[in-house]
Amino acid sequence: MTNTIWRARKRNFLGLPWTFTIYGFSEDRLYIKTGVLNTREDEVRLYRITDIGLERSLWQRIMGMGTIRVYSSDQSLGDFSLVNVKDCENVKEQLSQLIEAERENKRVSSREFLGVEDEGDALL
């Protein structure tokens, strides 16, 4: 992946990067590579990400890790998680800034309150 800004291996429950999953993001996409013999690579364009969150269990906090939840409008990948990411708070913040910049660059807007009646519609 060219122009990678951040790249890291998924860590096991002890915090060691002994897994065959690699997470990464560039200026315009987030990707997940898995496998050794049979490999799979998924990616989502940053402007398709609608929200991100951070979950940290007690064990993850002790080990300095966390799980970044990604909610996207991507048809093939949908919602997914980046599990056991080291320095997760900084990674989430960096990803959040890139998402906002890419959404602004592509002029993509999402309506936050879909399904809520407009005040003018309530009178009709």
PDB file of N, CA and C in Angstrom:
ATOM      1  N   MET A   1       0.859  -1.178   0.000  1.00  0.00           N
ATOM      2  CA  MET A   1       0.000   0.000   0.000  1.00  0.00           C
ATOM      3  C   MET A   1       0.896   1.228   0.000  1.00  0.00           C
ATOM      4  N   THR A   2       0.731   2.089  -0.972  1.00  0.00           N
ATOM      5  CA  THR A   2       1.568   3.277  -1.086  1.00  0.00           C
ATOM      6  C   THR A   2       1.044   4.387  -0.190  1.00  0.00           C
ATOM      7  N   ASN A   3       1.960   5.259   0.218  1.00  0.00           N
ATOM      8  CA  ASN A   3       1.634   6.416   1.060  1.00  0.00           C
ATOM      9  C   ASN A   3       0.939   6.041   2.362  1.00  0.00           C
ATOM     10  N   THR A   4       1.349   4.953   2.962  1.00  0.00           N
ATOM     11  CA  THR A   4       0.759   4.520   4.225  1.00  0.00           C
ATOM     12  C   THR A   4       1.172   5.469   5.338  1.00  0.00           C
ATOM     13  N   ILE A   5       0.177   5.977   6.061  1.00  0.00           N
ATOM     14  CA  ILE A   5       0.422   6.881   7.179  1.00  0.00           C
ATOM     15  C   ILE A   5       0.635   6.087   8.465  1.00  0.00           C
ATOM     16  N   TRP A   6      -0.165   5.062   8.667  1.00  0.00           N
ATOM     17  CA  TRP A   6      -0.075   4.221   9.863  1.00  0.00           C
ATOM     18  C   TRP A   6      -0.259   2.781   9.454  1.00  0.00           C
ATOM     19  N   ARG A   7       0.521   1.900  10.059  1.00  0.00           N
ATOM     20  CA  ARG A   7       0.435   0.471   9.791  1.00  0.00           C
ATOM     21  C   ARG A   7       0.856  -0.259  11.056  1.00  0.00           C
ATOM     22  N   ALA A   8       0.091  -1.282  11.442  1.00  0.00           N
ATOM     23  CA  ALA A   8       0.427  -2.054  12.635  1.00  0.00           C
ATOM     24  C   ALA A   8      -0.200  -3.436  12.545  1.00  0.00           C
ATOM     25  N   ARG A   9       0.385  -4.373  13.239  1.00  0.00           N
ATOM     26  CA  ARG A   9      -0.180  -5.714  13.322  1.00  0.00           C
ATOM     27  C   ARG A   9      -1.198  -5.767  14.453  1.00  0.00           C
ATOM     28  N   LYS A  10      -2.242  -6.542  14.218  1.00  0.00           N
ATOM     29  CA  LYS A  10      -3.180  -6.839  15.296  1.00  0.00           C
ATOM     30  C   LYS A  10      -2.374  -7.563  16.367  1.00  0.00           C
ATOM     31  N   ARG A  11      -2.643  -7.279  17.598  1.00  0.00           N
ATOM     32  CA  ARG A  11      -1.906  -7.895  18.695  1.00  0.00           C
ATOM     33  C   ARG A  11      -2.760  -8.969  19.363  1.00  0.00           C
ATOM     34  N   ASN A  12      -2.083  -9.971  19.907  1.00  0.00           N
ATOM     35  CA  ASN A  12      -2.815 -11.010  20.620  1.00  0.00           C
ATOM     36  C   ASN A  12      -3.180 -10.494  22.009  1.00  0.00           C
ATOM     37  N   PHE A  13      -3.796 -11.347  22.816  1.00  0.00           N
ATOM     38  CA  PHE A  13      -4.297 -10.902  24.113  1.00  0.00           C
ATOM     39  C   PHE A  13      -3.182 -10.488  25.072  1.00  0.00           C
ATOM     40  N   LEU A  14      -1.935 -10.867  24.804  1.00  0.00           N
ATOM     41  CA  LEU A  14      -0.809 -10.447  25.634  1.00  0.00           C
ATOM     42  C   LEU A  14      -0.153  -9.160  25.138  1.00  0.00           C
ATOM     43  N   GLY A  15      -0.677  -8.625  24.046  1.00  0.00           N
ATOM     44  CA  GLY A  15      -0.126  -7.392  23.500  1.00  0.00           C
ATOM     45  C   GLY A  15       1.013  -7.606  22.524  1.00  0.00           C
ATOM     46  N   LEU A  16       1.254  -8.855  22.139  1.00  0.00           N
ATOM     47  CA  LEU A  16       2.340  -9.156  21.209  1.00  0.00           C
ATOM     48  C   LEU A  16       1.824  -9.204  19.772  1.00  0.00           C
ATOM     49  N   PRO A  17       2.588  -8.676  18.822  1.00  0.00           N
ATOM     50  CA  PRO A  17       2.129  -8.628  17.422  1.00  0.00           C
ATOM     51  C   PRO A  17       2.370  -9.946  16.680  1.00  0.00           C
ATOM     52  N   TRP A  18       1.948 -11.057  17.268  1.00  0.00           N
ATOM     53  CA  TRP A  18       2.156 -12.367  16.674  1.00  0.00           C
ATOM     54  C   TRP A  18       0.895 -12.853  15.985  1.00  0.00           C
ATOM     55  N   THR A  19       0.333 -12.039  15.144  1.00  0.00           N
ATOM     56  CA  THR A  19      -0.853 -12.435  14.390  1.00  0.00           C
ATOM     57  C   THR A  19      -0.596 -12.171  12.911  1.00  0.00           C
ATOM     58  N   PHE A  20      -1.484 -12.650  12.079  1.00  0.00           N
ATOM     59  CA  PHE A  20      -1.339 -12.486  10.638  1.00  0.00           C
ATOM     60  C   PHE A  20      -2.339 -11.468  10.090  1.00  0.00           C
ATOM     61  N   THR A  21      -2.695 -10.494  10.927  1.00  0.00           N
ATOM     62  CA  THR A  21      -3.594  -9.420  10.514  1.00  0.00           C
ATOM     63  C   THR A  21      -2.847  -8.097  10.603  1.00  0.00           C
ATOM     64  N   ILE A  22      -2.902  -7.329   9.526  1.00  0.00           N
ATOM     65  CA  ILE A  22      -2.248  -6.018   9.481  1.00  0.00           C
ATOM     66  C   ILE A  22      -3.312  -4.962   9.200  1.00  0.00           C
ATOM     67  N   TYR A  23      -3.319  -3.921  10.032  1.00  0.00           N
ATOM     68  CA  TYR A  23      -4.197  -2.784   9.837  1.00  0.00           C
ATOM     69  C   TYR A  23      -3.355  -1.625   9.319  1.00  0.00           C
ATOM     70  N   GLY A  24      -3.967  -0.762   8.527  1.00  0.00           N
ATOM     71  CA  GLY A  24      -3.246   0.417   8.077  1.00  0.00           C
ATOM     72  C   GLY A  24      -4.184   1.420   7.442  1.00  0.00           C
ATOM     73  N   PHE A  25      -3.720   2.661   7.334  1.00  0.00           N
ATOM     74  CA  PHE A  25      -4.485   3.644   6.586  1.00  0.00           C
ATOM     75  C   PHE A  25      -3.550   4.626   5.905  1.00  0.00           C
ATOM     76  N   SER A  26      -4.049   5.132   4.793  1.00  0.00           N
ATOM     77  CA  SER A  26      -3.347   6.162   4.027  1.00  0.00           C
ATOM     78  C   SER A  26      -4.221   7.409   4.055  1.00  0.00           C
ATOM     79  N   GLU A  27      -3.935   8.364   3.205  1.00  0.00           N
ATOM     80  CA  GLU A  27      -4.707   9.601   3.206  1.00  0.00           C
ATOM     81  C   GLU A  27      -6.142   9.412   2.761  1.00  0.00           C
ATOM     82  N   ASP A  28      -6.435   8.337   2.017  1.00  0.00           N
ATOM     83  CA  ASP A  28      -7.791   8.183   1.489  1.00  0.00           C
ATOM     84  C   ASP A  28      -8.451   6.843   1.751  1.00  0.00           C
ATOM     85  N   ARG A  29      -7.775   5.899   2.396  1.00  0.00           N
ATOM     86  CA  ARG A  29      -8.393   4.591   2.649  1.00  0.00           C
ATOM     87  C   ARG A  29      -7.832   3.911   3.888  1.00  0.00           C
ATOM     88  N   LEU A  30      -8.645   3.038   4.450  1.00  0.00           N
ATOM     89  CA  LEU A  30      -8.259   2.198   5.583  1.00  0.00           C
ATOM     90  C   LEU A  30      -8.282   0.762   5.075  1.00  0.00           C
ATOM     91  N   TYR A  31      -7.290  -0.036   5.421  1.00  0.00           N
ATOM     92  CA  TYR A  31      -7.246  -1.408   4.930  1.00  0.00           C
ATOM     93  C   TYR A  31      -6.923  -2.408   6.037  1.00  0.00           C
ATOM     94  N   ILE A  32      -7.346  -3.657   5.779  1.00  0.00           N
ATOM     95  CA  ILE A  32      -7.083  -4.782   6.671  1.00  0.00           C
ATOM     96  C   ILE A  32      -6.587  -5.932   5.805  1.00  0.00           C
ATOM     97  N   LYS A  33      -5.396  -6.438   6.120  1.00  0.00           N
ATOM     98  CA  LYS A  33      -4.841  -7.599   5.419  1.00  0.00           C
ATOM     99  C   LYS A  33      -4.783  -8.750   6.403  1.00  0.00           C
ATOM    100  N   THR A  34      -5.286  -9.915   6.002  1.00  0.00           N
ATOM    101  CA  THR A  34      -5.274 -11.092   6.873  1.00  0.00           C
ATOM    102  C   THR A  34      -4.741 -12.299   6.119  1.00  0.00           C
ATOM    103  N   GLY A  35      -4.216 -13.257   6.880  1.00  0.00           N
ATOM    104  CA  GLY A  35      -3.816 -14.534   6.312  1.00  0.00           C
ATOM    105  C   GLY A  35      -2.336 -14.668   6.041  1.00  0.00           C
ATOM    106  N   VAL A  36      -1.930 -15.946   5.814  1.00  0.00           N
ATOM    107  CA  VAL A  36      -0.550 -16.267   5.470  1.00  0.00           C
ATOM    108  C   VAL A  36      -0.520 -16.950   4.108  1.00  0.00           C
ATOM    109  N   LEU A  37      -1.110 -18.147   4.037  1.00  0.00           N
ATOM    110  CA  LEU A  37      -1.149 -18.871   2.776  1.00  0.00           C
ATOM    111  C   LEU A  37      -2.284 -18.354   1.898  1.00  0.00           C
ATOM    112  N   ASN A  38      -3.457 -18.298   2.448  1.00  0.00           N
ATOM    113  CA  ASN A  38      -4.604 -17.674   1.778  1.00  0.00           C
ATOM    114  C   ASN A  38      -4.753 -16.286   2.384  1.00  0.00           C
ATOM    115  N   THR A  39      -4.594 -15.282   1.576  1.00  0.00           N
ATOM    116  CA  THR A  39      -4.644 -13.921   2.104  1.00  0.00           C
ATOM    117  C   THR A  39      -5.899 -13.207   1.623  1.00  0.00           C
ATOM    118  N   ARG A  40      -6.272 -12.215   2.388  1.00  0.00           N
ATOM    119  CA  ARG A  40      -7.430 -11.394   2.050  1.00  0.00           C
ATOM    120  C   ARG A  40      -7.092  -9.952   2.400  1.00  0.00           C
ATOM    121  N   GLU A  41      -7.477  -9.048   1.528  1.00  0.00           N
ATOM    122  CA  GLU A  41      -7.281  -7.621   1.787  1.00  0.00           C
ATOM    123  C   GLU A  41      -8.593  -6.900   1.567  1.00  0.00           C
ATOM    124  N   ASP A  42      -9.052  -6.209   2.606  1.00  0.00           N
ATOM    125  CA  ASP A  42     -10.262  -5.395   2.530  1.00  0.00           C
ATOM    126  C   ASP A  42      -9.869  -3.946   2.725  1.00  0.00           C
ATOM    127  N   GLU A  43     -10.587  -3.066   2.077  1.00  0.00           N
ATOM    128  CA  GLU A  43     -10.340  -1.645   2.271  1.00  0.00           C
ATOM    129  C   GLU A  43     -11.649  -0.883   2.192  1.00  0.00           C
ATOM    130  N   VAL A  44     -11.649   0.247   2.839  1.00  0.00           N
ATOM    131  CA  VAL A  44     -12.793   1.147   2.788  1.00  0.00           C
ATOM    132  C   VAL A  44     -12.245   2.559   2.583  1.00  0.00           C
ATOM    133  N   ARG A  45     -12.876   3.296   1.703  1.00  0.00           N
ATOM    134  CA  ARG A  45     -12.504   4.687   1.481  1.00  0.00           C
ATOM    135  C   ARG A  45     -12.904   5.493   2.716  1.00  0.00           C
ATOM    136  N   LEU A  46     -12.044   6.397   3.131  1.00  0.00           N
ATOM    137  CA  LEU A  46     -12.287   7.139   4.370  1.00  0.00           C
ATOM    138  C   LEU A  46     -13.573   7.949   4.329  1.00  0.00           C
ATOM    139  N   TYR A  47     -13.952   8.461   3.174  1.00  0.00           N
ATOM    140  CA  TYR A  47     -15.175   9.266   3.125  1.00  0.00           C
ATOM    141  C   TYR A  47     -16.423   8.417   3.345  1.00  0.00           C
ATOM    142  N   ARG A  48     -16.305   7.084   3.238  1.00  0.00           N
ATOM    143  CA  ARG A  48     -17.438   6.199   3.490  1.00  0.00           C
ATOM    144  C   ARG A  48     -17.601   5.847   4.973  1.00  0.00           C
ATOM    145  N   ILE A  49     -16.651   6.225   5.796  1.00  0.00           N
ATOM    146  CA  ILE A  49     -16.743   5.964   7.235  1.00  0.00           C
ATOM    147  C   ILE A  49     -17.641   7.028   7.860  1.00  0.00           C
ATOM    148  N   THR A  50     -18.695   6.571   8.530  1.00  0.00           N
ATOM    149  CA  THR A  50     -19.657   7.509   9.112  1.00  0.00           C
ATOM    150  C   THR A  50     -19.373   7.827  10.575  1.00  0.00           C
ATOM    151  N   ASP A  51     -18.732   6.890  11.292  1.00  0.00           N
ATOM    152  CA  ASP A  51     -18.459   7.123  12.713  1.00  0.00           C
ATOM    153  C   ASP A  51     -17.386   6.140  13.182  1.00  0.00           C
ATOM    154  N   ILE A  52     -16.661   6.522  14.221  1.00  0.00           N
ATOM    155  CA  ILE A  52     -15.706   5.615  14.839  1.00  0.00           C
ATOM    156  C   ILE A  52     -15.855   5.713  16.350  1.00  0.00           C
ATOM    157  N   GLY A  53     -15.519   4.633  17.026  1.00  0.00           N
ATOM    158  CA  GLY A  53     -15.602   4.592  18.479  1.00  0.00           C
ATOM    159  C   GLY A  53     -14.435   3.800  19.034  1.00  0.00           C
ATOM    160  N   LEU A  54     -14.254   3.877  20.329  1.00  0.00           N
ATOM    161  CA  LEU A  54     -13.151   3.191  20.992  1.00  0.00           C
ATOM    162  C   LEU A  54     -13.687   2.399  22.170  1.00  0.00           C
ATOM    163  N   GLU A  55     -13.338   1.129  22.228  1.00  0.00           N
ATOM    164  CA  GLU A  55     -13.712   0.259  23.347  1.00  0.00           C
ATOM    165  C   GLU A  55     -12.432  -0.276  23.969  1.00  0.00           C
ATOM    166  N   ARG A  56     -12.383  -0.274  25.307  1.00  0.00           N
ATOM    167  CA  ARG A  56     -11.202  -0.789  26.004  1.00  0.00           C
ATOM    168  C   ARG A  56     -11.646  -1.594  27.210  1.00  0.00           C
ATOM    169  N   SER A  57     -11.374  -2.873  27.184  1.00  0.00           N
ATOM    170  CA  SER A  57     -11.649  -3.710  28.348  1.00  0.00           C
ATOM    171  C   SER A  57     -10.565  -3.443  29.396  1.00  0.00           C
ATOM    172  N   LEU A  58     -10.760  -3.957  30.589  1.00  0.00           N
ATOM    173  CA  LEU A  58      -9.762  -3.794  31.644  1.00  0.00           C
ATOM    174  C   LEU A  58      -8.423  -4.372  31.188  1.00  0.00           C
ATOM    175  N   TRP A  59      -8.452  -5.561  30.595  1.00  0.00           N
ATOM    176  CA  TRP A  59      -7.219  -6.206  30.143  1.00  0.00           C
ATOM    177  C   TRP A  59      -6.539  -5.372  29.054  1.00  0.00           C
ATOM    178  N   GLN A  60      -7.323  -4.826  28.133  1.00  0.00           N
ATOM    179  CA  GLN A  60      -6.744  -3.988  27.086  1.00  0.00           C
ATOM    180  C   GLN A  60      -6.107  -2.726  27.677  1.00  0.00           C
ATOM    181  N   ARG A  61      -6.740  -2.132  28.672  1.00  0.00           N
ATOM    182  CA  ARG A  61      -6.166  -0.944  29.312  1.00  0.00           C
ATOM    183  C   ARG A  61      -4.851  -1.282  29.994  1.00  0.00           C
ATOM    184  N   ILE A  62      -4.804  -2.429  30.657  1.00  0.00           N
ATOM    185  CA  ILE A  62      -3.570  -2.863  31.317  1.00  0.00           C
ATOM    186  C   ILE A  62      -2.460  -3.056  30.297  1.00  0.00           C
ATOM    187  N   MET A  63      -2.803  -3.625  29.137  1.00  0.00           N
ATOM    188  CA  MET A  63      -1.809  -3.919  28.104  1.00  0.00           C
ATOM    189  C   MET A  63      -1.560  -2.736  27.157  1.00  0.00           C
ATOM    190  N   GLY A  64      -2.259  -1.609  27.354  1.00  0.00           N
ATOM    191  CA  GLY A  64      -2.060  -0.425  26.522  1.00  0.00           C
ATOM    192  C   GLY A  64      -2.652  -0.547  25.132  1.00  0.00           C
ATOM    193  N   MET A  65      -3.781  -1.268  25.028  1.00  0.00           N
ATOM    194  CA  MET A  65      -4.421  -1.497  23.734  1.00  0.00           C
ATOM    195  C   MET A  65      -5.890  -1.112  23.793  1.00  0.00           C
ATOM    196  N   GLY A  66      -6.568  -1.210  22.642  1.00  0.00           N
ATOM    197  CA  GLY A  66      -7.996  -0.969  22.573  1.00  0.00           C
ATOM    198  C   GLY A  66      -8.539  -1.448  21.247  1.00  0.00           C
ATOM    199  N   THR A  67      -9.862  -1.451  21.125  1.00  0.00           N
ATOM    200  CA  THR A  67     -10.536  -1.843  19.900  1.00  0.00           C
ATOM    201  C   THR A  67     -11.218  -0.620  19.309  1.00  0.00           C
ATOM    202  N   ILE A  68     -10.873  -0.295  18.074  1.00  0.00           N
ATOM    203  CA  ILE A  68     -11.476   0.831  17.377  1.00  0.00           C
ATOM    204  C   ILE A  68     -12.622   0.292  16.535  1.00  0.00           C
ATOM    205  N   ARG A  69     -13.853   0.734  16.843  1.00  0.00           N
ATOM    206  CA  ARG A  69     -15.042   0.332  16.081  1.00  0.00           C
ATOM    207  C   ARG A  69     -15.225   1.315  14.939  1.00  0.00           C
ATOM    208  N   VAL A  70     -15.397   0.776  13.738  1.00  0.00           N
ATOM    209  CA  VAL A  70     -15.559   1.606  12.547  1.00  0.00           C
ATOM    210  C   VAL A  70     -16.932   1.324  11.954  1.00  0.00           C
ATOM    211  N   TYR A  71     -17.731   2.362  11.796  1.00  0.00           N
ATOM    212  CA  TYR A  71     -19.056   2.252  11.198  1.00  0.00           C
ATOM    213  C   TYR A  71     -18.976   2.882   9.818  1.00  0.00           C
ATOM    214  N   SER A  72     -19.293   2.106   8.793  1.00  0.00           N
ATOM    215  CA  SER A  72     -19.147   2.626   7.433  1.00  0.00           C
ATOM    216  C   SER A  72     -20.373   2.329   6.591  1.00  0.00           C
ATOM    217  N   SER A  73     -20.486   3.073   5.500  1.00  0.00           N
ATOM    218  CA  SER A  73     -21.563   2.849   4.541  1.00  0.00           C
ATOM    219  C   SER A  73     -21.088   1.978   3.389  1.00  0.00           C
ATOM    220  N   ASP A  74     -19.916   1.376   3.516  1.00  0.00           N
ATOM    221  CA  ASP A  74     -19.365   0.509   2.484  1.00  0.00           C
ATOM    222  C   ASP A  74     -20.211  -0.760   2.371  1.00  0.00           C
ATOM    223  N   GLN A  75     -20.605  -1.112   1.160  1.00  0.00           N
ATOM    224  CA  GLN A  75     -21.490  -2.260   0.952  1.00  0.00           C
ATOM    225  C   GLN A  75     -20.814  -3.593   1.283  1.00  0.00           C
ATOM    226  N   SER A  76     -19.567  -3.769   0.909  1.00  0.00           N
ATOM    227  CA  SER A  76     -18.926  -5.071   1.100  1.00  0.00           C
ATOM    228  C   SER A  76     -18.376  -5.256   2.506  1.00  0.00           C
ATOM    229  N   LEU A  77     -17.862  -4.225   3.126  1.00  0.00           N
ATOM    230  CA  LEU A  77     -17.229  -4.363   4.433  1.00  0.00           C
ATOM    231  C   LEU A  77     -18.161  -4.025   5.586  1.00  0.00           C
ATOM    232  N   GLY A  78     -19.014  -3.034   5.420  1.00  0.00           N
ATOM    233  CA  GLY A  78     -19.949  -2.654   6.480  1.00  0.00           C
ATOM    234  C   GLY A  78     -19.230  -2.159   7.724  1.00  0.00           C
ATOM    235  N   ASP A  79     -19.776  -2.473   8.892  1.00  0.00           N
ATOM    236  CA  ASP A  79     -19.162  -2.102  10.171  1.00  0.00           C
ATOM    237  C   ASP A  79     -18.137  -3.164  10.547  1.00  0.00           C
ATOM    238  N   PHE A  80     -17.016  -2.723  11.135  1.00  0.00           N
ATOM    239  CA  PHE A  80     -15.961  -3.662  11.508  1.00  0.00           C
ATOM    240  C   PHE A  80     -15.150  -3.080  12.654  1.00  0.00           C
ATOM    241  N   SER A  81     -14.229  -3.882  13.180  1.00  0.00           N
ATOM    242  CA  SER A  81     -13.398  -3.463  14.311  1.00  0.00           C
ATOM    243  C   SER A  81     -11.927  -3.672  14.012  1.00  0.00           C
ATOM    244  N   LEU A  82     -11.116  -2.767  14.521  1.00  0.00           N
ATOM    245  CA  LEU A  82      -9.671  -2.938  14.549  1.00  0.00           C
ATOM    246  C   LEU A  82      -9.341  -3.361  15.972  1.00  0.00           C
ATOM    247  N   VAL A  83      -9.052  -4.637  16.160  1.00  0.00           N
ATOM    248  CA  VAL A  83      -8.950  -5.242  17.486  1.00  0.00           C
ATOM    249  C   VAL A  83      -7.523  -5.186  18.010  1.00  0.00           C
ATOM    250  N   ASN A  84      -7.390  -4.900  19.304  1.00  0.00           N
ATOM    251  CA  ASN A  84      -6.109  -4.887  20.020  1.00  0.00           C
ATOM    252  C   ASN A  84      -5.071  -4.003  19.340  1.00  0.00           C
ATOM    253  N   VAL A  85      -5.426  -2.732  19.172  1.00  0.00           N
ATOM    254  CA  VAL A  85      -4.533  -1.752  18.563  1.00  0.00           C
ATOM    255  C   VAL A  85      -3.749  -1.055  19.667  1.00  0.00           C
ATOM    256  N   LYS A  86      -2.431  -1.045  19.532  1.00  0.00           N
ATOM    257  CA  LYS A  86      -1.582  -0.354  20.496  1.00  0.00           C
ATOM    258  C   LYS A  86      -1.685   1.154  20.260  1.00  0.00           C
ATOM    259  N   ASP A  87      -1.635   1.934  21.332  1.00  0.00           N
ATOM    260  CA  ASP A  87      -1.755   3.396  21.273  1.00  0.00           C
ATOM    261  C   ASP A  87      -3.052   3.795  20.564  1.00  0.00           C
ATOM    262  N   CYS A  88      -4.137   3.119  20.939  1.00  0.00           N
ATOM    263  CA  CYS A  88      -5.416   3.226  20.240  1.00  0.00           C
ATOM    264  C   CYS A  88      -6.019   4.622  20.267  1.00  0.00           C
ATOM    265  N   GLU A  89      -5.826   5.370  21.326  1.00  0.00           N
ATOM    266  CA  GLU A  89      -6.411   6.707  21.402  1.00  0.00           C
ATOM    267  C   GLU A  89      -5.813   7.636  20.348  1.00  0.00           C
ATOM    268  N   ASN A  90      -4.498   7.594  20.181  1.00  0.00           N
ATOM    269  CA  ASN A  90      -3.847   8.434  19.175  1.00  0.00           C
ATOM    270  C   ASN A  90      -4.187   7.973  17.764  1.00  0.00           C
ATOM    271  N   VAL A  91      -4.253   6.654  17.551  1.00  0.00           N
ATOM    272  CA  VAL A  91      -4.604   6.125  16.234  1.00  0.00           C
ATOM    273  C   VAL A  91      -6.024   6.542  15.873  1.00  0.00           C
ATOM    274  N   LYS A  92      -6.953   6.431  16.824  1.00  0.00           N
ATOM    275  CA  LYS A  92      -8.344   6.821  16.577  1.00  0.00           C
ATOM    276  C   LYS A  92      -8.436   8.308  16.248  1.00  0.00           C
ATOM    277  N   GLU A  93      -7.721   9.137  16.968  1.00  0.00           N
ATOM    278  CA  GLU A  93      -7.758  10.580  16.714  1.00  0.00           C
ATOM    279  C   GLU A  93      -7.171  10.915  15.346  1.00  0.00           C
ATOM    280  N   GLN A  94      -6.071  10.284  14.996  1.00  0.00           N
ATOM    281  CA  GLN A  94      -5.456  10.517  13.688  1.00  0.00           C
ATOM    282  C   GLN A  94      -6.394  10.073  12.567  1.00  0.00           C
ATOM    283  N   LEU A  95      -7.027   8.907  12.748  1.00  0.00           N
ATOM    284  CA  LEU A  95      -7.982   8.405  11.763  1.00  0.00           C
ATOM    285  C   LEU A  95      -9.177   9.345  11.639  1.00  0.00           C
ATOM    286  N   SER A  96      -9.672   9.839  12.757  1.00  0.00           N
ATOM    287  CA  SER A  96     -10.808  10.755  12.765  1.00  0.00           C
ATOM    288  C   SER A  96     -10.497  12.027  11.980  1.00  0.00           C
ATOM    289  N   GLN A  97      -9.315  12.577  12.165  1.00  0.00           N
ATOM    290  CA  GLN A  97      -8.924  13.784  11.440  1.00  0.00           C
ATOM    291  C   GLN A  97      -8.816  13.524   9.940  1.00  0.00           C
ATOM    292  N   LEU A  98      -8.267  12.370   9.573  1.00  0.00           N
ATOM    293  CA  LEU A  98      -8.167  12.028   8.147  1.00  0.00           C
ATOM    294  C   LEU A  98      -9.544  11.828   7.522  1.00  0.00           C
ATOM    295  N   ILE A  99     -10.461  11.223   8.274  1.00  0.00           N
ATOM    296  CA  ILE A  99     -11.822  11.008   7.773  1.00  0.00           C
ATOM    297  C   ILE A  99     -12.487  12.350   7.488  1.00  0.00           C
ATOM    298  N   GLU A 100     -12.399  13.262   8.445  1.00  0.00           N
ATOM    299  CA  GLU A 100     -13.015  14.577   8.262  1.00  0.00           C
ATOM    300  C   GLU A 100     -12.395  15.322   7.082  1.00  0.00           C
ATOM    301  N   ALA A 101     -11.085  15.247   6.947  1.00  0.00           N
ATOM    302  CA  ALA A 101     -10.408  15.924   5.840  1.00  0.00           C
ATOM    303  C   ALA A 101     -10.828  15.324   4.500  1.00  0.00           C
ATOM    304  N   GLU A 102     -10.940  14.011   4.427  1.00  0.00           N
ATOM    305  CA  GLU A 102     -11.324  13.355   3.178  1.00  0.00           C
ATOM    306  C   GLU A 102     -12.787  13.625   2.843  1.00  0.00           C
ATOM    307  N   ARG A 103     -13.660  13.641   3.846  1.00  0.00           N
ATOM    308  CA  ARG A 103     -15.074  13.954   3.604  1.00  0.00           C
ATOM    309  C   ARG A 103     -15.220  15.392   3.106  1.00  0.00           C
ATOM    310  N   GLU A 104     -14.443  16.290   3.673  1.00  0.00           N
ATOM    311  CA  GLU A 104     -14.481  17.684   3.223  1.00  0.00           C
ATOM    312  C   GLU A 104     -13.905  17.801   1.807  1.00  0.00           C
ATOM    313  N   ASN A 105     -12.826  17.076   1.544  1.00  0.00           N
ATOM    314  CA  ASN A 105     -12.193  17.096   0.229  1.00  0.00           C
ATOM    315  C   ASN A 105     -13.132  16.562  -0.860  1.00  0.00           C
ATOM    316  N   LYS A 106     -13.874  15.504  -0.546  1.00  0.00           N
ATOM    317  CA  LYS A 106     -14.807  14.904  -1.502  1.00  0.00           C
ATOM    318  C   LYS A 106     -16.170  15.586  -1.476  1.00  0.00           C
ATOM    319  N   ARG A 107     -16.342  16.526  -0.535  1.00  0.00           N
ATOM    320  CA  ARG A 107     -17.611  17.246  -0.365  1.00  0.00           C
ATOM    321  C   ARG A 107     -18.765  16.285  -0.092  1.00  0.00           C
ATOM    322  N   VAL A 108     -18.474  15.345   0.794  1.00  0.00           N
ATOM    323  CA  VAL A 108     -19.473  14.362   1.199  1.00  0.00           C
ATOM    324  C   VAL A 108     -20.073  14.833   2.512  1.00  0.00           C
ATOM    325  N   SER A 109     -21.397  14.840   2.578  1.00  0.00           N
ATOM    326  CA  SER A 109     -22.058  15.194   3.833  1.00  0.00           C
ATOM    327  C   SER A 109     -23.051  14.101   4.169  1.00  0.00           C
ATOM    328  N   SER A 110     -23.222  13.895   5.422  1.00  0.00           N
ATOM    329  CA  SER A 110     -24.220  12.910   5.856  1.00  0.00           C
ATOM    330  C   SER A 110     -25.194  13.613   6.783  1.00  0.00           C
ATOM    331  N   ARG A 111     -26.431  13.272   6.641  1.00  0.00           N
ATOM    332  CA  ARG A 111     -27.439  13.866   7.510  1.00  0.00           C
ATOM    333  C   ARG A 111     -27.432  13.091   8.810  1.00  0.00           C
ATOM    334  N   GLU A 112     -27.165  13.781   9.877  1.00  0.00           N
ATOM    335  CA  GLU A 112     -27.022  13.149  11.179  1.00  0.00           C
ATOM    336  C   GLU A 112     -28.359  12.667  11.740  1.00  0.00           C
ATOM    337  N   PHE A 113     -29.440  13.322  11.380  1.00  0.00           N
ATOM    338  CA  PHE A 113     -30.716  13.024  12.005  1.00  0.00           C
ATOM    339  C   PHE A 113     -31.730  12.529  10.980  1.00  0.00           C
ATOM    340  N   LEU A 114     -31.375  11.514  10.237  1.00  0.00           N
ATOM    341  CA  LEU A 114     -32.308  10.954   9.268  1.00  0.00           C
ATOM    342  C   LEU A 114     -33.525  10.391   9.998  1.00  0.00           C
ATOM    343  N   GLY A 115     -34.680  10.639   9.476  1.00  0.00           N
ATOM    344  CA  GLY A 115     -35.897  10.120  10.096  1.00  0.00           C
ATOM    345  C   GLY A 115     -36.547  11.087  11.061  1.00  0.00           C
ATOM    346  N   VAL A 116     -35.868  12.172  11.413  1.00  0.00           N
ATOM    347  CA  VAL A 116     -36.439  13.171  12.311  1.00  0.00           C
ATOM    348  C   VAL A 116     -37.247  14.141  11.467  1.00  0.00           C
ATOM    349  N   GLU A 117     -38.473  14.405  11.888  1.00  0.00           N
ATOM    350  CA  GLU A 117     -39.343  15.303  11.127  1.00  0.00           C
ATOM    351  C   GLU A 117     -38.819  16.732  11.222  1.00  0.00           C
ATOM    352  N   ASP A 118     -38.885  17.419  10.123  1.00  0.00           N
ATOM    353  CA  ASP A 118     -38.573  18.838  10.093  1.00  0.00           C
ATOM    354  C   ASP A 118     -39.741  19.561  10.753  1.00  0.00           C
ATOM    355  N   GLU A 119     -39.497  20.670  11.439  1.00  0.00           N
ATOM    356  CA  GLU A 119     -40.560  21.388  12.134  1.00  0.00           C
ATOM    357  C   GLU A 119     -41.638  21.836  11.155  1.00  0.00           C
ATOM    358  N   GLY A 120     -41.242  22.222   9.956  1.00  0.00           N
ATOM    359  CA  GLY A 120     -42.218  22.644   8.955  1.00  0.00           C
ATOM    360  C   GLY A 120     -43.095  21.485   8.494  1.00  0.00           C
ATOM    361  N   ASP A 121     -42.562  20.273   8.449  1.00  0.00           N
ATOM    362  CA  ASP A 121     -43.328  19.099   8.026  1.00  0.00           C
ATOM    363  C   ASP A 121     -44.358  18.697   9.085  1.00  0.00           C
ATOM    364  N   ALA A 122     -44.066  18.992  10.350  1.00  0.00           N
ATOM    365  CA  ALA A 122     -44.977  18.583  11.419  1.00  0.00           C
ATOM    366  C   ALA A 122     -46.302  19.341  11.340  1.00  0.00           C
ATOM    367  N   LEU A 123     -46.312  20.519  10.749  1.00  0.00           N
ATOM    368  CA  LEU A 123     -47.525  21.312  10.684  1.00  0.00           C
ATOM    369  C   LEU A 123     -48.456  20.893   9.535  1.00  0.00           C
ATOM    370  N   LEU A 124     -47.933  20.172   8.566  1.00  0.00           N
ATOM    371  CA  LEU A 124     -48.746  19.794   7.409  1.00  0.00           C
ATOM    372  C   LEU A 124     -49.677  18.676   7.675  1.00  0.00           C
TER     373      LEU A 124
END
